[in-house]
Amino acid sequence: MKIDEQTGRKIQELQILEQNLQNLMMQKQTIQIELNEAANALTDLKKSGDEVYKIVGGLMVRSDKSSLLAELEEKKKIFELRVSSIEKQEKILDEKAETFKKELSELVSREKKQE
């Protein structure tokens, strides 16, 4: 079956959309790992005593527990926002991909009828 120019462009656009979706999913997975690490650190920090340490570069430095809690809470919020943002982008790209798939299906069925 010979593919016309319009169908070829739609296929390329769909491939790009799916590649973008895959990139977003990888970013989301990375951020979710960081989010889980921050949540686990928060849990452990809340259970710990008043003497806490923070790793800065290659050094472990004594730190204030309340400031570390605030810092981790802020990190957690940022990661949650990033995950939420990526999920919104995923939804938009998913919808576009579905639209392209329907259009491609219609184009291919029309081309088959013309043969």
PDB file of N, CA and C in Angstrom:
ATOM      1  N   MET A   1       0.847  -1.187   0.000  1.00  0.00           N
ATOM      2  CA  MET A   1       0.000   0.000   0.000  1.00  0.00           C
ATOM      3  C   MET A   1       0.884   1.238   0.000  1.00  0.00           C
ATOM      4  N   LYS A   2       0.587   2.161  -0.885  1.00  0.00           N
ATOM      5  CA  LYS A   2       1.329   3.408  -0.982  1.00  0.00           C
ATOM      6  C   LYS A   2       0.696   4.421  -0.034  1.00  0.00           C
ATOM      7  N   ILE A   3       1.558   5.108   0.738  1.00  0.00           N
ATOM      8  CA  ILE A   3       1.075   6.098   1.708  1.00  0.00           C
ATOM      9  C   ILE A   3       1.202   7.486   1.092  1.00  0.00           C
ATOM     10  N   ASP A   4       0.122   8.250   1.113  1.00  0.00           N
ATOM     11  CA  ASP A   4       0.198   9.607   0.573  1.00  0.00           C
ATOM     12  C   ASP A   4       0.927  10.534   1.545  1.00  0.00           C
ATOM     13  N   GLU A   5       1.217  11.734   1.088  1.00  0.00           N
ATOM     14  CA  GLU A   5       2.011  12.701   1.857  1.00  0.00           C
ATOM     15  C   GLU A   5       1.336  13.073   3.178  1.00  0.00           C
ATOM     16  N   GLN A   6       0.046  13.306   3.150  1.00  0.00           N
ATOM     17  CA  GLN A   6      -0.690  13.700   4.358  1.00  0.00           C
ATOM     18  C   GLN A   6      -0.628  12.599   5.414  1.00  0.00           C
ATOM     19  N   THR A   7      -0.809  11.367   5.000  1.00  0.00           N
ATOM     20  CA  THR A   7      -0.753  10.238   5.938  1.00  0.00           C
ATOM     21  C   THR A   7       0.651  10.100   6.511  1.00  0.00           C
ATOM     22  N   GLY A   8       1.655  10.272   5.674  1.00  0.00           N
ATOM     23  CA  GLY A   8       3.045  10.197   6.130  1.00  0.00           C
ATOM     24  C   GLY A   8       3.352  11.244   7.183  1.00  0.00           C
ATOM     25  N   ARG A   9       2.854  12.465   6.968  1.00  0.00           N
ATOM     26  CA  ARG A   9       3.062  13.540   7.957  1.00  0.00           C
ATOM     27  C   ARG A   9       2.371  13.207   9.277  1.00  0.00           C
ATOM     28  N   LYS A  10       1.147  12.690   9.187  1.00  0.00           N
ATOM     29  CA  LYS A  10       0.408  12.331  10.401  1.00  0.00           C
ATOM     30  C   LYS A  10       1.151  11.243  11.181  1.00  0.00           C
ATOM     31  N   ILE A  11       1.703  10.281  10.451  1.00  0.00           N
ATOM     32  CA  ILE A  11       2.463   9.212  11.109  1.00  0.00           C
ATOM     33  C   ILE A  11       3.685   9.790  11.811  1.00  0.00           C
ATOM     34  N   GLN A  12       4.391  10.698  11.150  1.00  0.00           N
ATOM     35  CA  GLN A  12       5.562  11.340  11.765  1.00  0.00           C
ATOM     36  C   GLN A  12       5.165  12.125  13.022  1.00  0.00           C
ATOM     37  N   GLU A  13       4.087  12.874  12.917  1.00  0.00           N
ATOM     38  CA  GLU A  13       3.624  13.664  14.062  1.00  0.00           C
ATOM     39  C   GLU A  13       3.227  12.758  15.225  1.00  0.00           C
ATOM     40  N   LEU A  14       2.584  11.653  14.922  1.00  0.00           N
ATOM     41  CA  LEU A  14       2.203  10.699  15.959  1.00  0.00           C
ATOM     42  C   LEU A  14       3.440  10.099  16.622  1.00  0.00           C
ATOM     43  N   GLN A  15       4.447   9.773  15.832  1.00  0.00           N
ATOM     44  CA  GLN A  15       5.688   9.222  16.384  1.00  0.00           C
ATOM     45  C   GLN A  15       6.370  10.229  17.306  1.00  0.00           C
ATOM     46  N   ILE A  16       6.362  11.491  16.907  1.00  0.00           N
ATOM     47  CA  ILE A  16       6.966  12.541  17.739  1.00  0.00           C
ATOM     48  C   ILE A  16       6.190  12.693  19.041  1.00  0.00           C
ATOM     49  N   LEU A  17       4.866  12.680  18.946  1.00  0.00           N
ATOM     50  CA  LEU A  17       4.026  12.763  20.151  1.00  0.00           C
ATOM     51  C   LEU A  17       4.309  11.601  21.100  1.00  0.00           C
ATOM     52  N   GLU A  18       4.393  10.406  20.552  1.00  0.00           N
ATOM     53  CA  GLU A  18       4.644   9.236  21.392  1.00  0.00           C
ATOM     54  C   GLU A  18       6.042   9.292  22.017  1.00  0.00           C
ATOM     55  N   GLN A  19       7.005   9.825  21.275  1.00  0.00           N
ATOM     56  CA  GLN A  19       8.355   9.984  21.826  1.00  0.00           C
ATOM     57  C   GLN A  19       8.338  11.011  22.965  1.00  0.00           C
ATOM     58  N   ASN A  20       7.620  12.105  22.775  1.00  0.00           N
ATOM     59  CA  ASN A  20       7.492  13.115  23.828  1.00  0.00           C
ATOM     60  C   ASN A  20       6.808  12.535  25.062  1.00  0.00           C
ATOM     61  N   LEU A  21       5.796  11.711  24.836  1.00  0.00           N
ATOM     62  CA  LEU A  21       5.105  11.055  25.945  1.00  0.00           C
ATOM     63  C   LEU A  21       6.065  10.158  26.721  1.00  0.00           C
ATOM     64  N   GLN A  22       6.882   9.430  26.003  1.00  0.00           N
ATOM     65  CA  GLN A  22       7.837   8.540  26.658  1.00  0.00           C
ATOM     66  C   GLN A  22       8.855   9.343  27.471  1.00  0.00           C
ATOM     67  N   ASN A  23       9.312  10.456  26.926  1.00  0.00           N
ATOM     68  CA  ASN A  23      10.241  11.326  27.659  1.00  0.00           C
ATOM     69  C   ASN A  23       9.604  11.859  28.936  1.00  0.00           C
ATOM     70  N   LEU A  24       8.350  12.278  28.837  1.00  0.00           N
ATOM     71  CA  LEU A  24       7.633  12.763  30.019  1.00  0.00           C
ATOM     72  C   LEU A  24       7.498  11.677  31.074  1.00  0.00           C
ATOM     73  N   MET A  25       7.218  10.470  30.631  1.00  0.00           N
ATOM     74  CA  MET A  25       7.063   9.368  31.575  1.00  0.00           C
ATOM     75  C   MET A  25       8.381   9.075  32.303  1.00  0.00           C
ATOM     76  N   MET A  26       9.490   9.189  31.585  1.00  0.00           N
ATOM     77  CA  MET A  26      10.793   8.975  32.228  1.00  0.00           C
ATOM     78  C   MET A  26      11.086  10.092  33.236  1.00  0.00           C
ATOM     79  N   GLN A  27      10.774  11.332  32.861  1.00  0.00           N
ATOM     80  CA  GLN A  27      10.955  12.453  33.788  1.00  0.00           C
ATOM     81  C   GLN A  27      10.098  12.258  35.032  1.00  0.00           C
ATOM     82  N   LYS A  28       8.863  11.855  34.817  1.00  0.00           N
ATOM     83  CA  LYS A  28       7.939  11.645  35.931  1.00  0.00           C
ATOM     84  C   LYS A  28       8.468  10.565  36.868  1.00  0.00           C
ATOM     85  N   GLN A  29       8.969   9.499  36.295  1.00  0.00           N
ATOM     86  CA  GLN A  29       9.507   8.405  37.108  1.00  0.00           C
ATOM     87  C   GLN A  29      10.688   8.883  37.951  1.00  0.00           C
ATOM     88  N   THR A  30      11.572   9.668  37.364  1.00  0.00           N
ATOM     89  CA  THR A  30      12.730  10.207  38.085  1.00  0.00           C
ATOM     90  C   THR A  30      12.281  11.106  39.232  1.00  0.00           C
ATOM     91  N   ILE A  31      11.318  11.969  38.957  1.00  0.00           N
ATOM     92  CA  ILE A  31      10.826  12.893  39.982  1.00  0.00           C
ATOM     93  C   ILE A  31      10.094  12.139  41.085  1.00  0.00           C
ATOM     94  N   GLN A  32       9.358  11.103  40.705  1.00  0.00           N
ATOM     95  CA  GLN A  32       8.662  10.312  41.721  1.00  0.00           C
ATOM     96  C   GLN A  32       9.656   9.606  42.651  1.00  0.00           C
ATOM     97  N   ILE A  33      10.781   9.179  42.114  1.00  0.00           N
ATOM     98  CA  ILE A  33      11.817   8.572  42.946  1.00  0.00           C
ATOM     99  C   ILE A  33      12.350   9.607  43.937  1.00  0.00           C
ATOM    100  N   GLU A  34      12.610  10.812  43.446  1.00  0.00           N
ATOM    101  CA  GLU A  34      13.089  11.892  44.320  1.00  0.00           C
ATOM    102  C   GLU A  34      12.037  12.248  45.367  1.00  0.00           C
ATOM    103  N   LEU A  35      10.779  12.247  44.953  1.00  0.00           N
ATOM    104  CA  LEU A  35       9.685  12.534  45.881  1.00  0.00           C
ATOM    105  C   LEU A  35       9.629  11.479  46.985  1.00  0.00           C
ATOM    106  N   ASN A  36       9.752  10.226  46.613  1.00  0.00           N
ATOM    107  CA  ASN A  36       9.753   9.146  47.605  1.00  0.00           C
ATOM    108  C   ASN A  36      10.934   9.271  48.563  1.00  0.00           C
ATOM    109  N   GLU A  37      12.099   9.639  48.037  1.00  0.00           N
ATOM    110  CA  GLU A  37      13.278   9.814  48.891  1.00  0.00           C
ATOM    111  C   GLU A  37      13.055  10.954  49.882  1.00  0.00           C
ATOM    112  N   ALA A  38      12.466  12.048  49.411  1.00  0.00           N
ATOM    113  CA  ALA A  38      12.203  13.185  50.298  1.00  0.00           C
ATOM    114  C   ALA A  38      11.177  12.795  51.364  1.00  0.00           C
ATOM    115  N   ALA A  39      10.145  12.058  50.967  1.00  0.00           N
ATOM    116  CA  ALA A  39       9.119  11.627  51.920  1.00  0.00           C
ATOM    117  C   ALA A  39       9.712  10.681  52.970  1.00  0.00           C
ATOM    118  N   ASN A  40      10.562   9.761  52.529  1.00  0.00           N
ATOM    119  CA  ASN A  40      11.210   8.840  53.464  1.00  0.00           C
ATOM    120  C   ASN A  40      12.151   9.586  54.413  1.00  0.00           C
ATOM    121  N   ALA A  41      12.888  10.554  53.872  1.00  0.00           N
ATOM    122  CA  ALA A  41      13.786  11.342  54.708  1.00  0.00           C
ATOM    123  C   ALA A  41      12.990  12.131  55.748  1.00  0.00           C
ATOM    124  N   LEU A  42      11.853  12.676  55.344  1.00  0.00           N
ATOM    125  CA  LEU A  42      10.992  13.408  56.276  1.00  0.00           C
ATOM    126  C   LEU A  42      10.518  12.500  57.409  1.00  0.00           C
ATOM    127  N   THR A  43      10.074  11.322  57.042  1.00  0.00           N
ATOM    128  CA  THR A  43       9.597  10.365  58.044  1.00  0.00           C
ATOM    129  C   THR A  43      10.701  10.028  59.038  1.00  0.00           C
ATOM    130  N   ASP A  44      11.886   9.740  58.506  1.00  0.00           N
ATOM    131  CA  ASP A  44      13.015   9.395  59.372  1.00  0.00           C
ATOM    132  C   ASP A  44      13.445  10.583  60.233  1.00  0.00           C
ATOM    133  N   LEU A  45      13.421  11.766  59.651  1.00  0.00           N
ATOM    134  CA  LEU A  45      13.834  12.966  60.384  1.00  0.00           C
ATOM    135  C   LEU A  45      12.879  13.248  61.545  1.00  0.00           C
ATOM    136  N   LYS A  46      11.588  13.044  61.310  1.00  0.00           N
ATOM    137  CA  LYS A  46      10.601  13.276  62.369  1.00  0.00           C
ATOM    138  C   LYS A  46      10.789  12.304  63.530  1.00  0.00           C
ATOM    139  N   LYS A  47      11.278  11.105  63.236  1.00  0.00           N
ATOM    140  CA  LYS A  47      11.498  10.090  64.271  1.00  0.00           C
ATOM    141  C   LYS A  47      12.821  10.301  65.024  1.00  0.00           C
ATOM    142  N   SER A  48      13.722  11.060  64.431  1.00  0.00           N
ATOM    143  CA  SER A  48      15.066  11.199  65.005  1.00  0.00           C
ATOM    144  C   SER A  48      15.076  12.178  66.188  1.00  0.00           C
ATOM    145  N   GLY A  49      16.204  12.165  66.870  1.00  0.00           N
ATOM    146  CA  GLY A  49      16.388  13.097  67.984  1.00  0.00           C
ATOM    147  C   GLY A  49      16.678  14.490  67.472  1.00  0.00           C
ATOM    148  N   ASP A  50      17.124  15.373  68.368  1.00  0.00           N
ATOM    149  CA  ASP A  50      17.385  16.765  67.988  1.00  0.00           C
ATOM    150  C   ASP A  50      18.711  16.952  67.259  1.00  0.00           C
ATOM    151  N   GLU A  51      19.630  16.012  67.421  1.00  0.00           N
ATOM    152  CA  GLU A  51      20.925  16.132  66.762  1.00  0.00           C
ATOM    153  C   GLU A  51      20.830  15.485  65.385  1.00  0.00           C
ATOM    154  N   VAL A  52      20.791  16.327  64.356  1.00  0.00           N
ATOM    155  CA  VAL A  52      20.654  15.832  62.986  1.00  0.00           C
ATOM    156  C   VAL A  52      21.777  16.398  62.123  1.00  0.00           C
ATOM    157  N   TYR A  53      22.023  15.708  61.023  1.00  0.00           N
ATOM    158  CA  TYR A  53      23.089  16.104  60.113  1.00  0.00           C
ATOM    159  C   TYR A  53      22.555  16.167  58.693  1.00  0.00           C
ATOM    160  N   LYS A  54      23.218  17.016  57.932  1.00  0.00           N
ATOM    161  CA  LYS A  54      22.842  17.211  56.535  1.00  0.00           C
ATOM    162  C   LYS A  54      24.097  17.010  55.700  1.00  0.00           C
ATOM    163  N   ILE A  55      23.946  16.349  54.575  1.00  0.00           N
ATOM    164  CA  ILE A  55      25.084  16.155  53.691  1.00  0.00           C
ATOM    165  C   ILE A  55      25.145  17.327  52.724  1.00  0.00           C
ATOM    166  N   VAL A  56      26.269  18.027  52.746  1.00  0.00           N
ATOM    167  CA  VAL A  56      26.500  19.168  51.863  1.00  0.00           C
ATOM    168  C   VAL A  56      27.758  18.857  51.067  1.00  0.00           C
ATOM    169  N   GLY A  57      27.566  18.646  49.774  1.00  0.00           N
ATOM    170  CA  GLY A  57      28.706  18.242  48.962  1.00  0.00           C
ATOM    171  C   GLY A  57      29.194  16.890  49.447  1.00  0.00           C
ATOM    172  N   GLY A  58      30.435  16.822  49.873  1.00  0.00           N
ATOM    173  CA  GLY A  58      30.977  15.579  50.401  1.00  0.00           C
ATOM    174  C   GLY A  58      31.075  15.570  51.905  1.00  0.00           C
ATOM    175  N   LEU A  59      30.496  16.571  52.559  1.00  0.00           N
ATOM    176  CA  LEU A  59      30.600  16.691  54.012  1.00  0.00           C
ATOM    177  C   LEU A  59      29.259  16.457  54.698  1.00  0.00           C
ATOM    178  N   MET A  60      29.339  15.907  55.911  1.00  0.00           N
ATOM    179  CA  MET A  60      28.146  15.767  56.738  1.00  0.00           C
ATOM    180  C   MET A  60      28.235  16.865  57.798  1.00  0.00           C
ATOM    181  N   VAL A  61      27.264  17.762  57.780  1.00  0.00           N
ATOM    182  CA  VAL A  61      27.296  18.944  58.636  1.00  0.00           C
ATOM    183  C   VAL A  61      26.124  18.887  59.618  1.00  0.00           C
ATOM    184  N   ARG A  62      26.412  19.232  60.865  1.00  0.00           N
ATOM    185  CA  ARG A  62      25.347  19.293  61.865  1.00  0.00           C
ATOM    186  C   ARG A  62      24.367  20.392  61.463  1.00  0.00           C
ATOM    187  N   SER A  63      23.080  20.121  61.642  1.00  0.00           N
ATOM    188  CA  SER A  63      22.076  21.077  61.190  1.00  0.00           C
ATOM    189  C   SER A  63      20.928  21.154  62.186  1.00  0.00           C
ATOM    190  N   ASP A  64      20.130  22.184  62.014  1.00  0.00           N
ATOM    191  CA  ASP A  64      18.957  22.395  62.853  1.00  0.00           C
ATOM    192  C   ASP A  64      17.805  21.536  62.320  1.00  0.00           C
ATOM    193  N   LYS A  65      17.187  20.762  63.184  1.00  0.00           N
ATOM    194  CA  LYS A  65      16.127  19.833  62.781  1.00  0.00           C
ATOM    195  C   LYS A  65      14.947  20.560  62.151  1.00  0.00           C
ATOM    196  N   SER A  66      14.526  21.664  62.746  1.00  0.00           N
ATOM    197  CA  SER A  66      13.347  22.373  62.215  1.00  0.00           C
ATOM    198  C   SER A  66      13.617  22.947  60.823  1.00  0.00           C
ATOM    199  N   SER A  67      14.830  23.445  60.581  1.00  0.00           N
ATOM    200  CA  SER A  67      15.134  23.981  59.248  1.00  0.00           C
ATOM    201  C   SER A  67      15.238  22.851  58.222  1.00  0.00           C
ATOM    202  N   LEU A  68      15.747  21.704  58.649  1.00  0.00           N
ATOM    203  CA  LEU A  68      15.794  20.554  57.741  1.00  0.00           C
ATOM    204  C   LEU A  68      14.388  20.054  57.411  1.00  0.00           C
ATOM    205  N   LEU A  69      13.512  20.035  58.421  1.00  0.00           N
ATOM    206  CA  LEU A  69      12.128  19.635  58.176  1.00  0.00           C
ATOM    207  C   LEU A  69      11.465  20.569  57.174  1.00  0.00           C
ATOM    208  N   ALA A  70      11.669  21.864  57.364  1.00  0.00           N
ATOM    209  CA  ALA A  70      11.082  22.855  56.452  1.00  0.00           C
ATOM    210  C   ALA A  70      11.648  22.689  55.038  1.00  0.00           C
ATOM    211  N   GLU A  71      12.942  22.453  54.956  1.00  0.00           N
ATOM    212  CA  GLU A  71      13.596  22.280  53.654  1.00  0.00           C
ATOM    213  C   GLU A  71      13.060  21.040  52.929  1.00  0.00           C
ATOM    214  N   LEU A  72      12.919  19.940  53.665  1.00  0.00           N
ATOM    215  CA  LEU A  72      12.401  18.721  53.056  1.00  0.00           C
ATOM    216  C   LEU A  72      10.935  18.844  52.669  1.00  0.00           C
ATOM    217  N   GLU A  73      10.153  19.526  53.484  1.00  0.00           N
ATOM    218  CA  GLU A  73       8.743  19.765  53.145  1.00  0.00           C
ATOM    219  C   GLU A  73       8.641  20.567  51.848  1.00  0.00           C
ATOM    220  N   GLU A  74       9.489  21.575  51.715  1.00  0.00           N
ATOM    221  CA  GLU A  74       9.497  22.405  50.505  1.00  0.00           C
ATOM    222  C   GLU A  74       9.896  21.574  49.283  1.00  0.00           C
ATOM    223  N   LYS A  75      10.930  20.749  49.430  1.00  0.00           N
ATOM    224  CA  LYS A  75      11.355  19.875  48.331  1.00  0.00           C
ATOM    225  C   LYS A  75      10.214  18.950  47.918  1.00  0.00           C
ATOM    226  N   LYS A  76       9.550  18.388  48.909  1.00  0.00           N
ATOM    227  CA  LYS A  76       8.450  17.469  48.648  1.00  0.00           C
ATOM    228  C   LYS A  76       7.342  18.173  47.865  1.00  0.00           C
ATOM    229  N   LYS A  77       6.991  19.401  48.281  1.00  0.00           N
ATOM    230  CA  LYS A  77       5.954  20.164  47.580  1.00  0.00           C
ATOM    231  C   LYS A  77       6.352  20.428  46.130  1.00  0.00           C
ATOM    232  N   ILE A  78       7.617  20.790  45.930  1.00  0.00           N
ATOM    233  CA  ILE A  78       8.102  21.068  44.574  1.00  0.00           C
ATOM    234  C   ILE A  78       8.012  19.818  43.704  1.00  0.00           C
ATOM    235  N   PHE A  79       8.429  18.675  44.254  1.00  0.00           N
ATOM    236  CA  PHE A  79       8.355  17.430  43.498  1.00  0.00           C
ATOM    237  C   PHE A  79       6.911  17.063  43.183  1.00  0.00           C
ATOM    238  N   GLU A  80       6.008  17.275  44.133  1.00  0.00           N
ATOM    239  CA  GLU A  80       4.592  16.992  43.896  1.00  0.00           C
ATOM    240  C   GLU A  80       4.038  17.884  42.791  1.00  0.00           C
ATOM    241  N   LEU A  81       4.428  19.155  42.788  1.00  0.00           N
ATOM    242  CA  LEU A  81       3.978  20.073  41.738  1.00  0.00           C
ATOM    243  C   LEU A  81       4.513  19.648  40.375  1.00  0.00           C
ATOM    244  N   ARG A  82       5.776  19.236  40.347  1.00  0.00           N
ATOM    245  CA  ARG A  82       6.375  18.804  39.085  1.00  0.00           C
ATOM    246  C   ARG A  82       5.679  17.556  38.547  1.00  0.00           C
ATOM    247  N   VAL A  83       5.382  16.609  39.432  1.00  0.00           N
ATOM    248  CA  VAL A  83       4.674  15.395  39.005  1.00  0.00           C
ATOM    249  C   VAL A  83       3.294  15.774  38.465  1.00  0.00           C
ATOM    250  N   SER A  84       2.609  16.651  39.163  1.00  0.00           N
ATOM    251  CA  SER A  84       1.285  17.091  38.733  1.00  0.00           C
ATOM    252  C   SER A  84       1.347  17.766  37.360  1.00  0.00           C
ATOM    253  N   SER A  85       2.332  18.610  37.169  1.00  0.00           N
ATOM    254  CA  SER A  85       2.509  19.306  35.901  1.00  0.00           C
ATOM    255  C   SER A  85       2.774  18.313  34.765  1.00  0.00           C
ATOM    256  N   ILE A  86       3.621  17.339  35.027  1.00  0.00           N
ATOM    257  CA  ILE A  86       3.930  16.333  34.010  1.00  0.00           C
ATOM    258  C   ILE A  86       2.691  15.504  33.689  1.00  0.00           C
ATOM    259  N   GLU A  87       1.903  15.184  34.701  1.00  0.00           N
ATOM    260  CA  GLU A  87       0.675  14.413  34.469  1.00  0.00           C
ATOM    261  C   GLU A  87      -0.297  15.188  33.586  1.00  0.00           C
ATOM    262  N   LYS A  88      -0.359  16.508  33.778  1.00  0.00           N
ATOM    263  CA  LYS A  88      -1.228  17.334  32.915  1.00  0.00           C
ATOM    264  C   LYS A  88      -0.718  17.316  31.480  1.00  0.00           C
ATOM    265  N   GLN A  89       0.610  17.438  31.322  1.00  0.00           N
ATOM    266  CA  GLN A  89       1.206  17.391  29.980  1.00  0.00           C
ATOM    267  C   GLN A  89       0.959  16.030  29.326  1.00  0.00           C
ATOM    268  N   GLU A  90       1.086  14.974  30.123  1.00  0.00           N
ATOM    269  CA  GLU A  90       0.830  13.621  29.607  1.00  0.00           C
ATOM    270  C   GLU A  90      -0.599  13.500  29.094  1.00  0.00           C
ATOM    271  N   LYS A  91      -1.526  14.026  29.854  1.00  0.00           N
ATOM    272  CA  LYS A  91      -2.935  13.933  29.470  1.00  0.00           C
ATOM    273  C   LYS A  91      -3.164  14.648  28.140  1.00  0.00           C
ATOM    274  N   ILE A  92      -2.597  15.836  28.001  1.00  0.00           N
ATOM    275  CA  ILE A  92      -2.752  16.602  26.758  1.00  0.00           C
ATOM    276  C   ILE A  92      -2.154  15.840  25.581  1.00  0.00           C
ATOM    277  N   LEU A  93      -0.940  15.313  25.766  1.00  0.00           N
ATOM    278  CA  LEU A  93      -0.300  14.569  24.684  1.00  0.00           C
ATOM    279  C   LEU A  93      -1.048  13.278  24.360  1.00  0.00           C
ATOM    280  N   ASP A  94      -1.584  12.620  25.381  1.00  0.00           N
ATOM    281  CA  ASP A  94      -2.384  11.411  25.159  1.00  0.00           C
ATOM    282  C   ASP A  94      -3.597  11.724  24.290  1.00  0.00           C
ATOM    283  N   GLU A  95      -4.263  12.823  24.615  1.00  0.00           N
ATOM    284  CA  GLU A  95      -5.445  13.205  23.847  1.00  0.00           C
ATOM    285  C   GLU A  95      -5.083  13.521  22.398  1.00  0.00           C
ATOM    286  N   LYS A  96      -3.955  14.234  22.215  1.00  0.00           N
ATOM    287  CA  LYS A  96      -3.509  14.540  20.851  1.00  0.00           C
ATOM    288  C   LYS A  96      -3.175  13.264  20.097  1.00  0.00           C
ATOM    289  N   ALA A  97      -2.496  12.336  20.775  1.00  0.00           N
ATOM    290  CA  ALA A  97      -2.120  11.077  20.131  1.00  0.00           C
ATOM    291  C   ALA A  97      -3.360  10.293  19.713  1.00  0.00           C
ATOM    292  N   GLU A  98      -4.360  10.265  20.561  1.00  0.00           N
ATOM    293  CA  GLU A  98      -5.601   9.567  20.224  1.00  0.00           C
ATOM    294  C   GLU A  98      -6.272  10.199  19.005  1.00  0.00           C
ATOM    295  N   THR A  99      -6.248  11.525  18.963  1.00  0.00           N
ATOM    296  CA  THR A  99      -6.826  12.229  17.816  1.00  0.00           C
ATOM    297  C   THR A  99      -6.083  11.865  16.540  1.00  0.00           C
ATOM    298  N   PHE A 100      -4.747  11.858  16.611  1.00  0.00           N
ATOM    299  CA  PHE A 100      -3.951  11.496  15.441  1.00  0.00           C
ATOM    300  C   PHE A 100      -4.218  10.056  15.013  1.00  0.00           C
ATOM    301  N   LYS A 101      -4.361   9.165  15.979  1.00  0.00           N
ATOM    302  CA  LYS A 101      -4.626   7.761  15.647  1.00  0.00           C
ATOM    303  C   LYS A 101      -5.962   7.622  14.915  1.00  0.00           C
ATOM    304  N   LYS A 102      -6.967   8.357  15.374  1.00  0.00           N
ATOM    305  CA  LYS A 102      -8.272   8.309  14.707  1.00  0.00           C
ATOM    306  C   LYS A 102      -8.175   8.866  13.294  1.00  0.00           C
ATOM    307  N   GLU A 103      -7.478   9.997  13.162  1.00  0.00           N
ATOM    308  CA  GLU A 103      -7.321  10.605  11.838  1.00  0.00           C
ATOM    309  C   GLU A 103      -6.569   9.670  10.899  1.00  0.00           C
ATOM    310  N   LEU A 104      -5.524   9.040  11.414  1.00  0.00           N
ATOM    311  CA  LEU A 104      -4.752   8.100  10.594  1.00  0.00           C
ATOM    312  C   LEU A 104      -5.599   6.913  10.170  1.00  0.00           C
ATOM    313  N   SER A 105      -6.375   6.419  11.090  1.00  0.00           N
ATOM    314  CA  SER A 105      -7.249   5.287  10.782  1.00  0.00           C
ATOM    315  C   SER A 105      -8.215   5.653   9.663  1.00  0.00           C
ATOM    316  N   GLU A 106      -8.784   6.847   9.747  1.00  0.00           N
ATOM    317  CA  GLU A 106      -9.713   7.309   8.716  1.00  0.00           C
ATOM    318  C   GLU A 106      -9.001   7.479   7.371  1.00  0.00           C
ATOM    319  N   LEU A 107      -7.794   8.056   7.408  1.00  0.00           N
ATOM    320  CA  LEU A 107      -7.041   8.254   6.165  1.00  0.00           C
ATOM    321  C   LEU A 107      -6.689   6.919   5.517  1.00  0.00           C
ATOM    322  N   VAL A 108      -6.249   5.976   6.315  1.00  0.00           N
ATOM    323  CA  VAL A 108      -5.863   4.665   5.789  1.00  0.00           C
ATOM    324  C   VAL A 108      -7.079   3.941   5.219  1.00  0.00           C
ATOM    325  N   SER A 109      -8.203   4.015   5.914  1.00  0.00           N
ATOM    326  CA  SER A 109      -9.410   3.331   5.409  1.00  0.00           C
ATOM    327  C   SER A 109      -9.884   3.985   4.102  1.00  0.00           C
ATOM    328  N   ARG A 110      -9.749   5.309   3.978  1.00  0.00           N
ATOM    329  CA  ARG A 110     -10.117   5.994   2.728  1.00  0.00           C
ATOM    330  C   ARG A 110      -9.203   5.569   1.583  1.00  0.00           C
ATOM    331  N   GLU A 111      -7.897   5.453   1.915  1.00  0.00           N
ATOM    332  CA  GLU A 111      -6.932   5.055   0.876  1.00  0.00           C
ATOM    333  C   GLU A 111      -7.205   3.628   0.412  1.00  0.00           C
ATOM    334  N   LYS A 112      -7.585   2.757   1.324  1.00  0.00           N
ATOM    335  CA  LYS A 112      -7.885   1.378   0.943  1.00  0.00           C
ATOM    336  C   LYS A 112      -9.096   1.311   0.027  1.00  0.00           C
ATOM    337  N   LYS A 113     -10.088   2.160   0.300  1.00  0.00           N
ATOM    338  CA  LYS A 113     -11.300   2.174  -0.532  1.00  0.00           C
ATOM    339  C   LYS A 113     -10.992   2.674  -1.936  1.00  0.00           C
ATOM    340  N   GLN A 114     -10.010   3.587  -2.045  1.00  0.00           N
ATOM    341  CA  GLN A 114      -9.676   4.146  -3.349  1.00  0.00           C
ATOM    342  C   GLN A 114      -8.872   3.174  -4.196  1.00  0.00           C
ATOM    343  N   GLU A 115      -8.259   2.187  -3.573  1.00  0.00           N
ATOM    344  CA  GLU A 115      -7.443   1.232  -4.327  1.00  0.00           C
ATOM    345  C   GLU A 115      -8.273   0.268  -5.121  1.00  0.00           C
TER     346      GLU A 115
END
